[in-house]
Protein backbone atom coordinates (compact mmCIF):
# COMPACT_ATOMS: atom_id res chain seq x y z
CA MET A 1 -0.21 -0.32 -0.23
CA ILE A 2 1.00 3.48 -0.81
CA ASP A 3 -0.03 6.47 1.62
CA GLY A 4 -1.28 9.45 -0.22
CA GLU A 5 0.27 11.90 2.34
CA SER A 6 3.86 10.27 1.01
CA LEU A 7 2.81 11.38 -2.50
CA ARG A 8 1.86 14.60 -1.62
CA GLN A 9 5.52 15.19 -0.36
CA ARG A 10 7.28 14.37 -3.37
CA PRO A 11 7.40 15.28 -7.28
CA VAL A 12 4.77 12.75 -9.01
CA ASN A 13 3.53 13.48 -12.14
CA ASP A 14 1.50 10.44 -13.06
CA LEU A 15 0.50 7.10 -11.49
CA ALA A 16 3.94 5.49 -12.73
CA ASP A 17 5.62 7.83 -10.60
CA ALA A 18 3.45 7.02 -7.42
CA VAL A 19 4.16 3.15 -7.62
CA ARG A 20 7.49 3.21 -8.92
CA ASN A 21 9.07 2.31 -5.46
CA SER A 22 7.24 -0.71 -4.85
CA PRO A 23 8.46 -4.33 -4.62
CA GLY A 24 7.78 -6.38 -7.51
CA ILE A 25 6.86 -3.36 -9.64
CA GLY A 26 8.74 -2.30 -12.99
CA LEU A 27 7.84 0.45 -15.80
CA ASP A 28 8.05 -0.86 -19.00
CA ASP A 29 9.31 1.25 -21.87
CA LEU A 30 6.43 2.12 -24.37
CA GLY A 31 8.40 4.25 -26.51
CA MET A 32 8.28 8.23 -27.46
CA GLY A 33 9.05 8.93 -23.90
CA ARG A 34 5.80 7.18 -22.16
CA ARG A 35 5.60 4.31 -19.50
CA GLY A 36 3.47 1.29 -18.89
CA ILE A 37 3.46 -0.29 -14.99
CA SER A 38 4.89 -3.64 -15.11
CA ILE A 39 3.68 -6.40 -12.23
CA ARG A 40 6.21 -8.97 -11.29
CA GLY A 41 7.98 -8.93 -14.92
CA MET A 42 4.34 -9.23 -16.61
CA SER A 43 3.73 -6.97 -19.97
CA SER A 44 1.82 -3.67 -18.60
CA GLU A 45 -0.86 -4.45 -20.70
CA HIS A 46 -1.72 -7.31 -18.27
CA THR A 47 -2.04 -4.78 -15.26
CA LEU A 48 -5.97 -3.76 -14.51
CA MET A 49 -5.94 0.18 -13.49
CA LEU A 50 -8.96 0.94 -10.94
CA ILE A 51 -10.18 3.79 -9.65
CA ASP A 52 -12.05 3.02 -6.34
CA GLY A 53 -12.48 -0.48 -7.28
CA GLN A 54 -13.88 0.59 -10.67
CA ARG A 55 -12.18 -0.20 -13.81
CA ILE A 56 -10.96 2.54 -16.82
CA ASN A 57 -10.47 2.09 -20.15
CA SER A 58 -7.31 0.74 -21.41
CA SER A 59 -6.02 2.80 -24.21
CA GLY A 60 -3.00 0.91 -24.79
CA SER A 61 -5.18 -1.75 -26.44
CA ALA A 62 -5.27 0.14 -29.17
CA ILE A 63 -2.91 3.35 -29.23
CA ALA A 64 0.86 2.71 -29.60
CA HIS A 65 2.78 3.99 -27.09
CA SER A 66 -0.06 4.73 -25.02
CA ASP A 67 0.03 5.85 -21.16
CA PHE A 68 -2.98 7.28 -21.30
CA GLU A 69 -4.63 5.98 -18.06
CA LEU A 70 -2.20 7.16 -16.10
CA GLY A 71 -3.26 10.65 -15.16
CA TRP A 72 -7.09 9.85 -14.26
CA VAL A 73 -6.74 11.05 -10.43
CA PRO A 74 -4.03 13.76 -9.17
CA THR A 75 -2.30 13.14 -6.18
CA GLU A 76 -4.25 15.63 -4.01
CA ALA A 77 -7.56 13.57 -4.07
CA ILE A 78 -5.72 10.10 -3.43
CA GLU A 79 -6.17 8.60 -0.02
CA ARG A 80 -3.69 5.44 -0.87
CA VAL A 81 -2.52 3.31 -3.95
CA GLU A 82 -3.00 -0.37 -3.68
CA VAL A 83 -0.84 -2.58 -5.74
CA VAL A 84 -2.18 -6.33 -6.04
CA ARG A 85 0.42 -8.62 -7.31
CA GLY A 86 -0.60 -11.74 -9.27
CA PRO A 87 -3.71 -12.88 -11.76
CA ILE A 88 -6.86 -11.64 -9.70
CA SER A 89 -9.16 -12.47 -12.83
CA SER A 90 -11.47 -14.10 -10.03
CA LEU A 91 -12.36 -10.77 -9.41
CA TYR A 92 -11.76 -8.49 -11.93
CA GLY A 93 -11.98 -10.65 -15.17
CA SER A 94 -9.91 -9.62 -18.29
CA GLU A 95 -7.00 -7.66 -17.95
CA ALA A 96 -6.06 -8.61 -14.33
CA LEU A 97 -3.39 -11.28 -15.61
CA GLY A 98 -0.70 -9.54 -13.87
CA GLY A 99 -2.13 -7.58 -11.01
CA VAL A 100 -4.08 -4.45 -9.91
CA VAL A 101 -3.22 -1.36 -8.95
CA ASN A 102 -6.48 0.24 -7.96
CA ILE A 103 -6.59 3.63 -6.54
CA ILE A 104 -8.74 4.80 -3.40
CA THR A 105 -9.49 8.32 -3.53
CA ARG A 106 -10.37 10.36 -0.18
CA SER A 107 -13.99 10.44 1.06
CA ALA A 108 -15.83 12.80 2.36
CA THR A 109 -16.25 13.55 6.04
CA ASP A 110 -18.47 14.96 8.21
CA ARG A 111 -16.57 18.14 8.84
CA TRP A 112 -15.07 20.30 5.99
CA ARG A 113 -11.63 19.95 5.01
CA GLY A 114 -9.27 20.38 2.39
CA SER A 115 -5.87 21.05 0.85
CA VAL A 116 -4.33 23.05 -2.17
CA SER A 117 -0.60 22.28 -3.25
CA THR A 118 1.67 23.77 -5.83
CA GLN A 119 4.86 22.11 -6.97
CA ALA A 120 8.11 22.65 -9.52
CA LEU A 121 10.62 20.66 -10.69
CA ILE A 122 13.62 22.70 -12.26
CA ASN A 123 16.19 20.53 -14.45
CA ASP A 124 19.50 20.94 -13.59
CA HIS A 125 20.42 21.31 -17.70
CA SER A 126 19.23 23.89 -20.46
CA LEU A 127 17.32 21.40 -22.09
CA ASP A 128 13.99 22.57 -20.52
CA GLY A 129 11.74 19.40 -19.36
CA ASN A 130 10.65 21.52 -16.53
CA GLN A 131 7.15 20.48 -14.22
CA TYR A 132 5.11 22.72 -12.73
CA LYS A 133 1.57 21.71 -11.04
CA GLY A 134 -0.80 22.56 -8.61
CA GLY A 135 -4.05 21.26 -7.34
CA PHE A 136 -6.61 21.32 -4.68
CA TYR A 137 -9.21 19.07 -2.51
CA VAL A 138 -12.19 19.86 -0.45
CA SER A 139 -14.92 17.96 0.96
CA GLY A 140 -17.48 18.27 4.04
CA PRO A 141 -20.92 18.14 4.49
CA LEU A 142 -24.06 20.14 2.99
CA LEU A 143 -26.75 18.75 5.30
CA PRO A 144 -24.86 17.11 7.96
CA GLY A 145 -25.27 13.75 8.66
CA THR A 146 -27.69 13.08 5.34
CA LEU A 147 -25.54 14.54 2.64
CA GLY A 148 -21.65 14.86 1.78
CA PHE A 149 -19.93 16.84 -0.87
CA LYS A 150 -16.08 16.24 -2.57
CA ALA A 151 -14.65 18.04 -5.00
CA TRP A 152 -10.44 18.13 -6.52
CA GLY A 153 -9.08 19.69 -9.32
CA GLU A 154 -5.28 19.82 -10.71
CA TYR A 155 -3.46 21.36 -13.50
CA ARG A 156 -0.22 20.05 -14.69
CA HIS A 157 2.55 21.55 -16.96
CA ARG A 158 5.42 19.88 -18.42
CA ASP A 159 8.18 21.53 -20.95
CA ALA A 160 9.32 19.49 -23.53
CA LEU A 161 12.39 18.11 -22.79
CA ARG A 162 14.97 18.64 -25.85
CA ASP A 163 16.93 15.81 -27.24
CA GLU A 164 20.88 15.91 -26.28
CA ALA A 165 21.90 14.75 -29.55
CA ASN A 166 19.35 16.86 -31.50
CA THR A 167 17.67 19.58 -29.94
CA MET A 168 15.51 20.30 -32.43
CA LEU A 169 13.59 17.04 -31.23
CA THR A 170 12.07 16.27 -27.97
CA ALA A 171 13.35 13.32 -26.01
CA LEU A 172 9.54 14.06 -23.45
CA ASP A 173 6.33 15.61 -24.86
CA ASP A 174 5.43 19.07 -23.79
CA GLN A 175 2.39 18.08 -21.52
CA ARG A 176 -0.64 20.07 -20.04
CA ALA A 177 -3.37 18.03 -18.49
CA LYS A 178 -6.58 19.25 -16.67
CA THR A 179 -8.02 17.05 -13.94
CA GLY A 180 -11.19 17.61 -11.96
CA HIS A 181 -14.09 15.66 -9.86
CA LEU A 182 -17.39 16.54 -8.43
CA GLY A 183 -18.93 13.96 -5.82
CA LEU A 184 -22.03 13.83 -3.85
CA SER A 185 -22.77 11.19 -1.32
CA TRP A 186 -26.35 10.88 0.23
CA THR A 187 -27.10 8.93 3.62
CA PRO A 188 -30.76 8.27 3.78
CA ASP A 189 -30.68 6.31 6.63
CA GLU A 190 -28.14 4.67 8.81
CA ARG A 191 -28.23 1.50 6.54
CA GLN A 192 -27.59 3.29 2.99
CA ARG A 193 -25.71 5.49 1.15
CA ILE A 194 -25.94 6.49 -2.75
CA ASP A 195 -22.60 8.17 -4.03
CA LEU A 196 -22.79 10.11 -7.61
CA SER A 197 -19.41 11.70 -9.07
CA VAL A 198 -18.38 13.04 -12.10
CA ASP A 199 -14.74 12.80 -13.58
CA ALA A 200 -13.75 15.20 -16.19
CA GLY A 201 -9.87 15.61 -18.22
CA ASN A 202 -7.88 17.20 -20.63
CA GLU A 203 -4.63 16.15 -21.66
CA GLU A 204 -2.35 17.58 -24.40
CA LEU A 205 0.93 16.41 -25.84
CA ASP A 206 3.21 17.97 -28.28
CA GLY A 207 6.38 16.98 -29.69
CA VAL A 208 9.21 16.82 -32.34
CA ARG A 209 10.39 13.53 -33.69
CA GLY A 210 12.50 12.15 -35.91
CA ALA A 211 12.66 8.33 -37.25
CA SER A 212 15.31 6.33 -38.79
CA GLY A 213 15.63 7.14 -42.77
CA ARG A 214 12.67 9.79 -42.08
CA ALA A 215 12.12 13.45 -42.08
CA ILE A 216 11.32 15.44 -39.13
CA TYR A 217 7.91 15.42 -38.17
CA ARG A 218 5.88 17.26 -35.62
CA SER A 219 3.01 15.32 -33.88
CA GLU A 220 -0.02 16.43 -31.46
CA ASN A 221 -2.36 14.52 -29.15
CA GLU A 222 -5.53 15.99 -27.59
CA VAL A 223 -7.01 13.37 -24.53
CA GLN A 224 -10.20 13.62 -23.25
CA ARG A 225 -11.15 11.46 -20.72
CA ARG A 226 -14.22 11.28 -18.48
CA ARG A 227 -15.90 9.28 -16.19
CA TYR A 228 -19.92 8.98 -14.50
CA ALA A 229 -20.30 6.75 -11.60
CA LEU A 230 -23.27 5.65 -9.31
CA THR A 231 -23.06 3.58 -6.40
CA HIS A 232 -25.35 2.16 -3.87
CA ALA A 233 -24.27 0.92 -0.83
CA GLY A 234 -26.72 -0.99 1.79
CA ASN A 235 -25.64 -2.46 5.43
CA TRP A 236 -28.73 -4.29 6.73
CA SER A 237 -29.30 -6.98 9.24
CA TRP A 238 -28.86 -10.19 6.84
CA GLY A 239 -25.20 -8.68 5.36
CA ASP A 240 -24.37 -6.10 2.97
CA SER A 241 -25.04 -5.24 -0.96
CA GLN A 242 -23.22 -2.82 -3.58
CA LEU A 243 -25.04 -2.24 -6.96
CA ARG A 244 -22.88 0.15 -9.18
CA LEU A 245 -23.68 2.07 -12.41
CA TYR A 246 -20.73 3.59 -14.16
CA ARG A 247 -19.08 4.34 -17.61
CA SER A 248 -15.66 5.86 -18.62
CA THR A 249 -14.48 7.12 -21.88
CA LEU A 250 -11.45 8.45 -23.62
CA ASP A 251 -11.63 10.41 -26.73
CA ARG A 252 -7.89 10.80 -28.32
CA LYS A 253 -7.37 13.33 -31.62
CA ALA A 254 -4.09 12.68 -32.76
CA TRP A 255 -2.29 15.16 -35.72
CA ARG A 256 1.20 14.09 -37.54
CA SER A 257 2.69 16.40 -39.97
CA ASP A 258 3.65 13.28 -42.11
CA GLY A 259 -0.03 12.22 -41.89
CA ALA A 260 -2.85 12.31 -39.57
CA THR A 261 -3.87 8.99 -37.56
CA GLY A 262 -6.76 8.70 -35.05
CA PRO A 263 -9.15 9.70 -33.63
CA ASN A 264 -9.72 7.11 -31.27
CA ARG A 265 -12.88 6.71 -28.71
CA PHE A 266 -13.02 4.05 -26.06
CA VAL A 267 -16.08 3.61 -23.94
CA ASP A 268 -16.29 0.75 -21.21
CA THR A 269 -19.80 0.69 -19.31
CA VAL A 270 -20.34 -1.58 -16.12
CA LEU A 271 -23.26 -2.45 -14.07
CA ASP A 272 -22.14 -5.05 -11.35
CA GLY A 273 -23.39 -6.01 -7.90
CA ARG A 274 -22.35 -8.20 -5.00
CA ILE A 275 -24.13 -9.13 -1.48
CA GLY A 276 -22.48 -10.54 1.53
CA PHE A 277 -23.66 -12.33 4.29
CA ILE A 278 -22.34 -14.31 7.63
CA ALA A 279 -22.82 -18.03 6.85
CA GLY A 280 -22.89 -19.64 10.82
CA GLU A 281 -20.00 -18.80 12.43
CA ALA A 282 -16.89 -19.85 9.94
CA HIS A 283 -18.37 -18.55 6.69
CA LYS A 284 -18.37 -15.13 5.11
CA LEU A 285 -20.08 -15.61 1.32
CA THR A 286 -20.27 -12.98 -1.47
CA PHE A 287 -21.80 -13.57 -4.46
CA GLY A 288 -22.23 -11.03 -7.57
CA LEU A 289 -22.94 -10.38 -11.31
CA GLU A 290 -21.19 -7.62 -13.57
CA THR A 291 -22.32 -7.37 -17.24
CA ARG A 292 -20.08 -5.16 -19.09
CA ARG A 293 -20.09 -3.19 -22.91
CA GLU A 294 -16.37 -2.33 -24.42
CA SER A 295 -16.91 -0.32 -27.56
CA LEU A 296 -13.96 0.97 -29.69
CA GLU A 297 -13.96 3.89 -32.30
CA ASP A 298 -10.76 3.59 -34.40
CA PRO A 299 -10.85 4.19 -38.47
CA SER A 300 -8.70 0.97 -38.87
CA VAL A 301 -10.23 -1.63 -36.90
CA ASN A 302 -12.18 -2.29 -39.63
CA ARG A 303 -14.16 -0.92 -42.38
CA SER A 304 -16.89 0.76 -40.39
CA GLY A 305 -14.49 2.14 -37.97
CA LYS A 306 -16.60 0.76 -35.03
CA LYS A 307 -16.22 -2.59 -33.26
CA ALA A 308 -17.93 -3.63 -29.63
CA LEU A 309 -18.19 -6.70 -27.10
CA ASN A 310 -20.12 -7.56 -24.69
CA HIS A 311 -18.96 -9.54 -21.25
CA HIS A 312 -21.04 -11.17 -18.66
CA ALA A 313 -19.50 -12.61 -15.16
CA LEU A 314 -20.76 -14.37 -12.17
CA PHE A 315 -18.24 -14.75 -9.28
CA ALA A 316 -18.31 -16.06 -5.76
CA GLN A 317 -15.98 -16.15 -2.43
CA ASP A 318 -16.01 -17.68 0.77
CA GLU A 319 -13.59 -16.53 3.62
CA ILE A 320 -13.59 -19.28 6.13
CA LEU A 321 -12.41 -19.34 9.58
CA LEU A 322 -10.36 -22.80 10.46
CA GLY A 323 -10.33 -21.91 13.90
CA GLU A 324 -8.62 -18.91 15.36
CA ARG A 325 -5.42 -19.02 13.65
CA TRP A 326 -6.20 -20.17 10.28
CA GLU A 327 -8.55 -18.60 7.48
CA LEU A 328 -9.03 -19.84 3.87
CA VAL A 329 -10.31 -17.99 0.97
CA LEU A 330 -11.78 -19.53 -1.93
CA GLY A 331 -13.07 -18.10 -4.94
CA SER A 332 -14.02 -17.77 -8.85
CA ARG A 333 -15.35 -16.08 -11.26
CA PHE A 334 -17.20 -17.26 -13.93
CA ASP A 335 -16.68 -14.88 -17.50
CA HIS A 336 -18.83 -15.23 -20.66
CA HIS A 337 -17.13 -13.75 -23.63
CA GLU A 338 -18.85 -13.36 -26.95
CA ASP A 339 -16.34 -14.86 -29.11
CA PHE A 340 -14.78 -17.53 -26.40
CA GLY A 341 -17.58 -18.52 -24.53
CA TRP A 342 -16.93 -19.11 -20.83
CA GLU A 343 -13.79 -18.48 -18.69
CA THR A 344 -13.46 -19.27 -15.44
CA SER A 345 -10.97 -18.19 -13.14
CA PRO A 346 -10.28 -19.91 -9.51
CA ARG A 347 -8.24 -18.57 -6.74
CA ALA A 348 -7.62 -20.27 -3.34
CA TYR A 349 -5.65 -18.32 -0.35
CA LEU A 350 -4.97 -19.64 2.78
CA LEU A 351 -3.50 -17.52 5.63
CA PHE A 352 -2.11 -19.02 8.96
CA ARG A 353 -1.23 -16.34 12.19
CA PRO A 354 0.82 -18.97 14.39
CA ASP A 355 1.14 -15.07 16.63
CA ASP A 356 0.37 -11.93 16.99
CA ALA A 357 3.56 -10.74 14.90
CA LEU A 358 3.83 -13.84 12.48
CA THR A 359 1.36 -14.01 9.00
CA LEU A 360 2.40 -17.09 7.02
CA LYS A 361 0.52 -17.33 3.33
CA ALA A 362 -0.03 -19.62 0.30
CA GLY A 363 -2.15 -18.71 -2.64
CA VAL A 364 -2.97 -20.21 -5.74
CA GLY A 365 -4.57 -19.02 -9.04
CA ARG A 366 -5.58 -19.01 -12.59
CA GLY A 367 -6.14 -15.43 -14.91
CA PHE A 368 -6.56 -14.58 -18.27
CA LYS A 369 -6.78 -11.88 -20.69
CA ALA A 370 -8.91 -11.59 -23.80
CA PRO A 371 -7.35 -10.68 -26.86
CA THR A 372 -8.08 -6.77 -27.73
CA LEU A 373 -10.87 -5.67 -30.46
CA LYS A 374 -8.18 -4.76 -32.54
CA GLN A 375 -6.33 -7.74 -32.42
CA LEU A 376 -9.47 -10.25 -33.15
CA SER A 377 -10.83 -8.13 -36.27
CA PRO A 378 -10.17 -9.80 -39.50
CA GLU A 379 -10.79 -6.20 -40.91
CA PHE A 380 -7.92 -4.57 -38.79
CA GLU A 381 -4.90 -3.13 -40.33
CA SER A 382 -2.19 -1.00 -39.36
CA ARG A 383 0.88 0.35 -41.82
CA ALA A 384 3.06 1.75 -38.98
CA ALA A 385 5.13 -0.66 -37.90
CA MET A 386 8.78 -1.37 -38.42
CA GLY A 387 9.06 2.61 -39.01
CA GLY A 388 6.13 2.53 -41.49
CA ARG A 389 7.63 -0.58 -43.34
CA GLY A 390 5.83 -3.49 -41.92
CA ILE A 391 1.22 -4.22 -41.88
CA ILE A 392 -0.20 -5.60 -38.68
CA ARG A 393 -3.26 -7.67 -39.43
CA GLY A 394 -5.71 -8.95 -37.03
CA ASN A 395 -6.25 -12.52 -36.16
CA PRO A 396 -9.69 -13.65 -35.52
CA GLU A 397 -8.54 -17.29 -34.33
CA LEU A 398 -6.59 -15.99 -31.37
CA GLU A 399 -7.02 -17.48 -27.96
CA PRO A 400 -7.04 -15.98 -24.64
CA GLU A 401 -3.88 -15.25 -22.79
CA THR A 402 -3.91 -17.09 -19.77
CA ASN A 403 -1.73 -17.47 -16.30
CA ARG A 404 -1.45 -19.77 -13.34
CA SER A 405 -0.07 -17.86 -10.46
CA PHE A 406 1.73 -19.96 -7.11
CA GLU A 407 3.19 -17.45 -3.92
CA LEU A 408 4.18 -18.31 -0.52
CA GLY A 409 5.35 -15.85 1.60
CA ALA A 410 5.74 -14.82 5.32
CA ALA A 411 5.57 -11.12 7.04
CA TYR A 412 6.60 -10.67 10.58
CA GLU A 413 5.50 -7.33 12.37
CA LEU A 414 6.92 -6.52 16.20
CA GLY A 415 7.22 -3.23 18.12
CA ARG A 416 9.52 -1.10 15.69
CA TRP A 417 10.71 -3.31 12.94
CA SER A 418 8.79 -5.55 9.98
CA ALA A 419 9.82 -7.59 7.42
CA SER A 420 8.30 -9.82 4.62
CA ALA A 421 9.29 -12.57 1.63
CA THR A 422 7.37 -13.77 -0.69
CA VAL A 423 8.06 -16.84 -3.31
CA PHE A 424 6.10 -16.20 -6.70
CA ARG A 425 5.57 -17.90 -9.76
CA ASN A 426 3.63 -17.08 -13.21
CA ASP A 427 3.52 -19.68 -15.89
CA VAL A 428 2.05 -18.00 -18.77
CA ARG A 429 0.44 -19.28 -21.99
CA ASN A 430 -0.48 -18.46 -25.45
CA LEU A 431 1.19 -14.68 -25.00
CA ILE A 432 -0.08 -12.83 -28.29
CA GLU A 433 3.27 -11.17 -30.30
CA THR A 434 3.60 -10.11 -33.68
CA VAL A 435 4.88 -12.80 -36.06
CA ARG A 436 6.70 -11.90 -39.12
CA GLN A 437 5.34 -13.83 -42.66
CA LEU A 438 6.99 -15.52 -44.93
CA THR A 439 5.36 -14.30 -47.81
CA CYS A 440 3.69 -10.37 -47.89
CA SER A 441 0.92 -9.09 -50.04
CA GLU A 442 2.42 -5.96 -51.33
CA ARG A 443 5.63 -5.49 -52.91
CA GLY A 444 8.62 -4.24 -50.87
CA ARG A 445 6.81 -4.38 -47.38
CA VAL A 446 6.88 -7.25 -44.22
CA CYS A 447 3.30 -8.67 -43.11
CA LEU A 448 3.21 -9.67 -39.84
CA ASN A 449 0.09 -11.58 -37.93
CA TYR A 450 -1.00 -11.49 -34.45
CA GLU A 451 -0.17 -14.88 -33.05
CA ASN A 452 -0.37 -17.03 -30.16
CA VAL A 453 3.24 -18.34 -29.88
CA SER A 454 4.91 -17.97 -26.56
CA ARG A 455 4.98 -19.94 -23.11
CA VAL A 456 6.65 -17.98 -20.62
CA ARG A 457 7.69 -18.51 -16.90
CA LEU A 458 8.68 -15.77 -14.00
CA GLN A 459 9.26 -16.42 -11.06
CA GLY A 460 10.99 -14.96 -8.27
CA LEU A 461 11.53 -13.22 -4.74
CA GLU A 462 10.30 -10.17 -3.08
CA LEU A 463 11.79 -8.94 0.20
CA THR A 464 10.27 -5.85 2.40
CA ALA A 465 12.00 -4.62 5.66
CA ALA A 466 11.53 -1.29 7.69
CA ALA A 467 12.87 -0.64 11.01
CA ASP A 468 12.61 2.32 13.72
CA LEU A 469 16.86 2.62 13.95
CA ALA A 470 16.22 5.27 17.06
CA ALA A 471 13.94 7.51 17.94
CA LEU A 472 14.27 9.89 15.15
CA TRP A 473 15.82 7.54 12.65
CA ARG A 474 13.51 5.03 10.24
CA LEU A 475 14.51 2.29 7.30
CA GLU A 476 12.62 0.70 4.71
CA ALA A 477 13.88 -1.54 1.67
CA ASN A 478 12.82 -3.74 -0.63
CA TYR A 479 14.31 -6.00 -3.04
CA THR A 480 13.03 -8.03 -5.80
CA TRP A 481 14.77 -10.99 -7.96
CA LEU A 482 13.10 -11.82 -11.10
CA ASP A 483 13.96 -14.88 -13.65
CA ALA A 484 11.95 -14.44 -16.59
CA ARG A 485 12.06 -16.81 -19.23
CA ASP A 486 10.44 -17.52 -22.67
CA LEU A 487 10.27 -21.28 -22.98
CA SER A 488 9.39 -21.18 -26.44
CA ASN A 489 12.86 -20.36 -27.34
CA ASP A 490 14.40 -20.87 -24.06
CA GLU A 491 15.86 -17.29 -23.63
CA ARG A 492 15.41 -14.57 -21.21
CA LEU A 493 12.82 -12.36 -21.52
CA ALA A 494 13.93 -8.89 -23.00
CA ASP A 495 13.70 -5.80 -21.03
CA ARG A 496 13.10 -7.44 -17.69
CA SER A 497 15.78 -6.85 -14.32
CA ARG A 498 16.94 -9.65 -12.37
CA HIS A 499 17.33 -7.40 -9.63
CA ARG A 500 15.53 -4.25 -8.37
CA ALA A 501 15.88 -2.66 -4.99
CA ASN A 502 14.70 0.37 -3.12
CA LEU A 503 16.19 2.30 0.19
CA THR A 504 14.66 5.09 2.17
CA LEU A 505 16.41 6.63 5.04
CA ALA A 506 14.69 9.08 6.65
CA TRP A 507 15.16 11.49 9.78
CA ALA A 508 13.32 13.83 11.54
CA PRO A 509 15.45 15.93 14.21
CA GLN A 510 12.63 18.19 14.96
CA ASP A 511 8.59 18.08 15.24
CA ARG A 512 8.60 20.38 11.96
CA LEU A 513 11.74 19.02 10.43
CA ALA A 514 12.13 15.92 8.54
CA THR A 515 14.08 15.00 5.70
CA ARG A 516 14.74 11.59 3.87
CA VAL A 517 17.41 10.48 1.07
CA ARG A 518 15.54 7.52 -1.45
CA ALA A 519 18.02 5.30 -3.47
CA GLU A 520 16.32 2.86 -6.55
CA TYR A 521 18.67 0.33 -7.97
CA VAL A 522 17.56 -1.16 -11.50
CA GLY A 523 20.04 -4.16 -12.47
CA SER A 524 20.76 -4.85 -15.99
CA GLN A 525 18.71 -6.10 -18.62
CA TYR A 526 18.82 -8.47 -21.83
CA ARG A 527 18.10 -7.10 -24.68
CA SER A 528 18.69 -10.08 -27.19
CA ALA A 529 20.66 -12.43 -28.64
CA THR A 530 22.54 -9.92 -30.86
CA LEU A 531 22.55 -7.05 -28.77
CA GLY A 532 24.67 -6.59 -25.52
CA GLU A 533 23.04 -6.40 -21.90
CA ARG A 534 21.19 -2.64 -21.01
CA PRO A 535 23.98 -1.56 -17.69
CA GLY A 536 21.59 -1.44 -14.57
CA TYR A 537 21.96 1.96 -12.86
CA THR A 538 21.32 3.76 -9.65
CA LEU A 539 19.23 6.97 -9.22
CA VAL A 540 19.53 8.88 -5.53
CA HIS A 541 17.33 11.47 -3.97
CA TRP A 542 17.11 14.02 -1.27
CA TYR A 543 13.74 15.33 0.24
CA VAL A 544 13.34 17.37 3.12
CA ASP A 545 10.08 18.85 4.54
CA TYR A 546 9.30 21.56 6.74
CA GLU A 547 6.05 22.94 8.74
CA LEU A 548 6.07 26.57 8.75
CA LYS A 549 3.12 26.35 10.88
CA SER A 550 0.65 24.27 11.57
CA GLY A 551 -1.34 23.27 8.16
CA LEU A 552 1.00 24.69 6.22
CA SER A 553 4.45 22.97 5.07
CA LEU A 554 7.20 23.19 2.45
CA HIS A 555 8.72 20.59 0.69
CA ALA A 556 11.97 20.79 -1.33
CA GLY A 557 14.56 18.34 -2.67
CA ILE A 558 16.77 17.33 -5.34
CA GLU A 559 16.16 14.28 -7.77
CA ASN A 560 18.73 12.19 -9.29
CA LEU A 561 21.96 13.59 -7.05
CA SER A 562 24.66 11.83 -9.54
CA ASP A 563 23.14 13.45 -12.78
CA LYS A 564 22.02 9.90 -14.46
CA ARG A 565 21.12 10.88 -18.17
CA LEU A 566 20.14 7.21 -18.99
CA GLY A 567 18.29 7.95 -22.16
CA ASN A 568 18.85 11.31 -23.30
CA ASP A 569 22.73 10.32 -23.29
CA ASP A 570 22.61 7.13 -24.96
CA ALA A 571 19.55 6.72 -26.81
CA ASP A 572 20.47 3.28 -28.33
CA LEU A 573 20.46 1.92 -24.69
CA TYR A 574 17.72 3.30 -22.66
CA GLY A 575 14.75 3.89 -24.59
CA ARG A 576 12.98 6.83 -22.04
CA ALA A 577 15.07 9.92 -21.13
CA ASP A 578 15.34 10.70 -17.86
CA GLU A 579 15.95 14.27 -16.96
CA GLY A 580 18.95 14.38 -15.13
CA ARG A 581 19.68 16.45 -11.71
CA ARG A 582 16.66 18.23 -10.89
CA TYR A 583 15.46 20.62 -8.12
CA PHE A 584 12.10 20.19 -6.32
CA ALA A 585 9.98 23.01 -4.34
CA GLY A 586 6.45 22.59 -3.02
CA LEU A 587 4.35 24.66 -0.86
CA SER A 588 1.22 22.82 0.82
CA ALA A 589 -1.54 23.65 2.86
CA SER A 590 -4.49 21.75 4.86
CA PHE A 591 -7.32 22.77 6.89
């Protein structure tokens, strides 16, 4: 779990920055300076994003180099971020093949409270890339005990980071983003609560790029996000219930000086419900259902430019108390896909607490991910692959990707220190890849098809530790070892680090003053049989927080103290440029 308060004390541009120091988390390079969240070595396409347990559109399913789902919620509105590792299809269905990132937003309260903040991140080099943002959050009762209100908003701006080798080009796009939210909570009586919310976000990205053998071109992206949600929650004498209707939309307009692309429109509409109740002295049962309509508007998906699918699901879970110290969770979800019929996603998790400090756990589960609407469409065709030389076509014969997951772990917490260790293994089948065809229908081109080809094994170890070294000092650390192998050719999976580690040392010499040093290590990465490994690197950051007076705090720091330039110094090794050393300053006020 990542606490929202800690996120507001450091520069966080999007969700990738928020989770990057968590165990088992890596950031995929998606191209064009954009990133995806990878869990335990799985592709970022296998990570499901949620806001308060509600899924949001995955733009990467249809747009190359897309990370547009990372900017839905500003840090000012985040209560916490929960990362669930391993396939969670038993709860959420397709897309949760690698894991889930769930943003829990701050709730309305029975008294007025709020906060406002502003931040700046200034680069040490003359290549621009400076970042600025400001945000607010406010909530409270419109009618005490009956009607609550909350609102938030944020504006973010990042100047384009120019390419070191050719300052006419941009290594990171110029970015302008605005996000807003309005929500009402109605409590008609002590047993019921109804929540209504509306979210809106607009983002603009501008860049200048060049491709091998091609002229320099300018690109612009305009992204519009909307989310509408209505929820009823009940707490009855027999148990509890929840009914939700929500819809998320993502519209993207794109322009390139060498030819327009898009537009794209994603719409997810979901109706789900569940009931939970206690059965006897040992069982807590939950039953639910979900119906979801997924639609895509894209000129390349088929001749009409539109395609949609309906998903239906049932799920059940039983939390069983096996005595005072044992607990077993059994669950399964049954999804019906228009093209594949029924998919079953079972899950079992066993917990044992031999004493109050130690917890042992073991789990097994199965997940699946259906092919995207584009991948399944026999009429889909893209001519953007391989720098414009390749043609990718859809394949209606594809099968879902599947993952069988196993994990075994232990956690110990006693007084001023804690530690945990988890061993995991993912056996993934039918991974979908683009495969070069022997012949092509067009002279001088390369034809590629989507095919189920790969079998992958990802296994590893996650370690965490935290300790109060003295009254004023605290140390937190985590380490991940990952062995990722493609079993179809017996090679290591590319772009995965075997070793990752994060360490934070905090010191609070005064009640109003605190400082901390954070180090993150990313180990070397295998690239291919013909290319050498991508070297590992270490980044070190320093921050300080000072409370000027009650409710008013100053934040400052230096990121990337050793000025590692990575992709901007050697683009052949590192895909995404790091801005280098940068100076951070922020001011926050709460009431």
